[in-house]
Amino acid sequence: MQAAMQASAAPISNRRSWAGRVISAIPVLFLTFDATIHIVKIQPVVDSFKQLGYPIETAVPIGIIELVCLALYVFPQTAVLGAILWTGYLGGAVASQVRIGAPLFGFALFPVYVAVLLWVGLYLREPRLKNLLPFRT
């Protein structure tokens, strides 16, 4: 099955591949920063955890979860799994923001923008996704 899927995946152009890498780099850099500040527990993280109603003791485990999802996303063999896990994580972030009444466009939808960048970047650099998500031309 895997061989058939690889055979039917059209090769992607070098330009498209590089565009996907550049687009993917934007959320990867942001999410690396986010995971790091969760692990280090800088004051803005402490403040936002308090505002969201989460105990600060969960900051490090959340940061580690982010790093695991990030590692899965950056390796081509597991990138789709990483994107799926990030989508779930970022959905939870949206729910947390909505729960506290955060402004929709300023805060609540920001995780959606990150998820869109993750998927667009992956779609451009992963030829097999074109078969799974065929867009009409």
Protein backbone atom coordinates (compact mmCIF):
# COMPACT_ATOMS: atom_id res chain seq x y z
CA MET A 1 0.00 0.00 0.00
CA GLN A 2 2.77 2.41 0.94
CA ALA A 3 4.65 1.68 -2.28
CA ALA A 4 1.50 2.32 -4.30
CA MET A 5 0.96 5.64 -2.54
CA GLN A 6 4.55 6.71 -3.15
CA ALA A 7 4.37 5.68 -6.80
CA SER A 8 1.20 7.68 -7.35
CA ALA A 9 2.54 10.78 -5.61
CA ALA A 10 3.70 13.19 -8.24
CA PRO A 11 7.13 14.64 -7.57
CA ILE A 12 7.05 18.19 -6.32
CA SER A 13 9.07 20.99 -7.80
CA ASN A 14 12.10 22.34 -6.03
CA ARG A 15 10.38 25.75 -5.77
CA ARG A 16 7.30 24.26 -4.15
CA SER A 17 9.40 22.23 -1.75
CA TRP A 18 11.38 25.30 -0.67
CA ALA A 19 8.21 27.37 -0.33
CA GLY A 20 6.85 24.64 1.96
CA ARG A 21 10.00 24.66 4.05
CA VAL A 22 9.95 28.45 4.41
CA ILE A 23 6.26 28.50 5.34
CA SER A 24 6.79 25.61 7.78
CA ALA A 25 9.73 27.41 9.38
CA ILE A 26 7.50 30.25 10.60
CA PRO A 27 5.34 28.14 12.96
CA VAL A 28 8.28 25.87 13.82
CA LEU A 29 10.30 28.84 15.08
CA PHE A 30 7.32 30.23 17.00
CA LEU A 31 6.43 26.86 18.53
CA THR A 32 10.08 26.21 19.50
CA PHE A 33 10.07 29.56 21.30
CA ASP A 34 6.72 28.75 22.93
CA ALA A 35 7.89 25.33 24.17
CA THR A 36 11.10 26.85 25.51
CA ILE A 37 9.35 29.56 27.51
CA HIS A 38 6.96 26.96 28.94
CA ILE A 39 9.91 24.88 30.15
CA VAL A 40 11.80 27.90 31.51
CA LYS A 41 8.58 29.33 33.02
CA ILE A 42 9.27 33.01 32.42
CA GLN A 43 6.96 35.52 34.13
CA PRO A 44 4.60 36.04 31.15
CA VAL A 45 4.00 32.26 31.11
CA VAL A 46 3.25 32.30 34.86
CA ASP A 47 0.85 35.21 34.34
CA SER A 48 -0.94 33.64 31.37
CA PHE A 49 -1.31 30.28 33.14
CA LYS A 50 -2.91 32.09 36.04
CA GLN A 51 -5.23 34.00 33.65
CA LEU A 52 -6.19 30.77 31.86
CA GLY A 53 -6.77 28.96 35.13
CA TYR A 54 -4.05 26.34 34.64
CA PRO A 55 -1.66 25.40 37.45
CA ILE A 56 1.89 26.54 36.70
CA GLU A 57 3.10 23.00 37.44
CA THR A 58 1.66 21.98 34.07
CA ALA A 59 3.91 24.40 32.14
CA VAL A 60 6.91 22.07 31.86
CA PRO A 61 4.88 19.00 30.79
CA ILE A 62 3.09 21.16 28.21
CA GLY A 63 6.44 22.43 26.93
CA ILE A 64 7.70 18.85 26.63
CA ILE A 65 4.55 17.82 24.76
CA GLU A 66 5.15 20.74 22.39
CA LEU A 67 8.75 19.62 21.79
CA VAL A 68 7.62 16.05 21.04
CA CYS A 69 4.98 17.30 18.58
CA LEU A 70 7.59 19.59 17.04
CA ALA A 71 10.07 16.75 16.61
CA LEU A 72 7.39 14.65 14.92
CA TYR A 73 6.49 17.54 12.60
CA VAL A 74 10.01 18.40 11.44
CA PHE A 75 10.97 14.85 10.42
CA PRO A 76 9.50 14.01 7.00
CA GLN A 77 8.63 10.42 7.98
CA THR A 78 6.38 11.60 10.85
CA ALA A 79 5.42 15.11 9.67
CA VAL A 80 1.76 14.29 9.03
CA LEU A 81 1.38 12.74 12.48
CA GLY A 82 3.06 15.83 13.95
CA ALA A 83 0.68 18.13 12.08
CA ILE A 84 -2.31 16.14 13.32
CA LEU A 85 -1.09 16.31 16.93
CA TRP A 86 -0.38 20.04 16.59
CA THR A 87 -3.89 20.57 15.25
CA GLY A 88 -5.33 18.95 18.37
CA TYR A 89 -3.04 20.90 20.68
CA LEU A 90 -3.81 24.20 18.98
CA GLY A 91 -7.54 23.43 19.08
CA GLY A 92 -7.19 23.17 22.85
CA ALA A 93 -5.43 26.52 22.86
CA VAL A 94 -8.37 28.06 20.99
CA ALA A 95 -10.79 26.52 23.48
CA SER A 96 -8.79 27.93 26.40
CA GLN A 97 -8.81 31.41 24.88
CA VAL A 98 -12.54 31.29 24.12
CA ARG A 99 -13.27 30.05 27.65
CA ILE A 100 -11.74 33.17 29.22
CA GLY A 101 -13.40 35.50 26.72
CA ALA A 102 -10.23 36.54 24.85
CA PRO A 103 -10.74 38.76 21.80
CA LEU A 104 -11.48 36.58 18.79
CA PHE A 105 -9.03 38.05 16.27
CA GLY A 106 -6.34 39.16 18.70
CA PHE A 107 -5.90 35.97 20.70
CA ALA A 108 -8.50 33.26 20.26
CA LEU A 109 -7.84 32.62 16.55
CA PHE A 110 -4.04 32.94 16.71
CA PRO A 111 -3.60 29.16 17.18
CA VAL A 112 -5.74 28.63 14.06
CA TYR A 113 -3.36 30.83 12.07
CA VAL A 114 -0.42 28.76 13.34
CA ALA A 115 -2.19 25.51 12.39
CA VAL A 116 -2.94 26.84 8.89
CA LEU A 117 0.75 27.67 8.39
CA LEU A 118 1.73 24.20 9.62
CA TRP A 119 -0.62 22.50 7.15
CA VAL A 120 0.10 24.79 4.17
CA GLY A 121 3.83 24.30 4.65
CA LEU A 122 3.41 20.54 4.93
CA TYR A 123 1.07 20.39 1.92
CA LEU A 124 3.66 22.18 -0.22
CA ARG A 125 6.55 19.95 0.83
CA GLU A 126 4.77 16.58 1.05
CA PRO A 127 3.64 15.23 -2.35
CA ARG A 128 1.49 12.45 -0.85
CA LEU A 129 -0.85 15.00 0.72
CA LYS A 130 -1.90 16.13 -2.75
CA ASN A 131 -3.54 12.70 -3.22
CA LEU A 132 -5.25 12.84 0.17
CA LEU A 133 -6.39 16.47 -0.14
CA PRO A 134 -7.02 17.09 -3.83
CA PHE A 135 -8.03 20.65 -4.48
CA ARG A 136 -9.97 21.36 -7.65
CA THR A 137 -8.31 23.59 -10.19
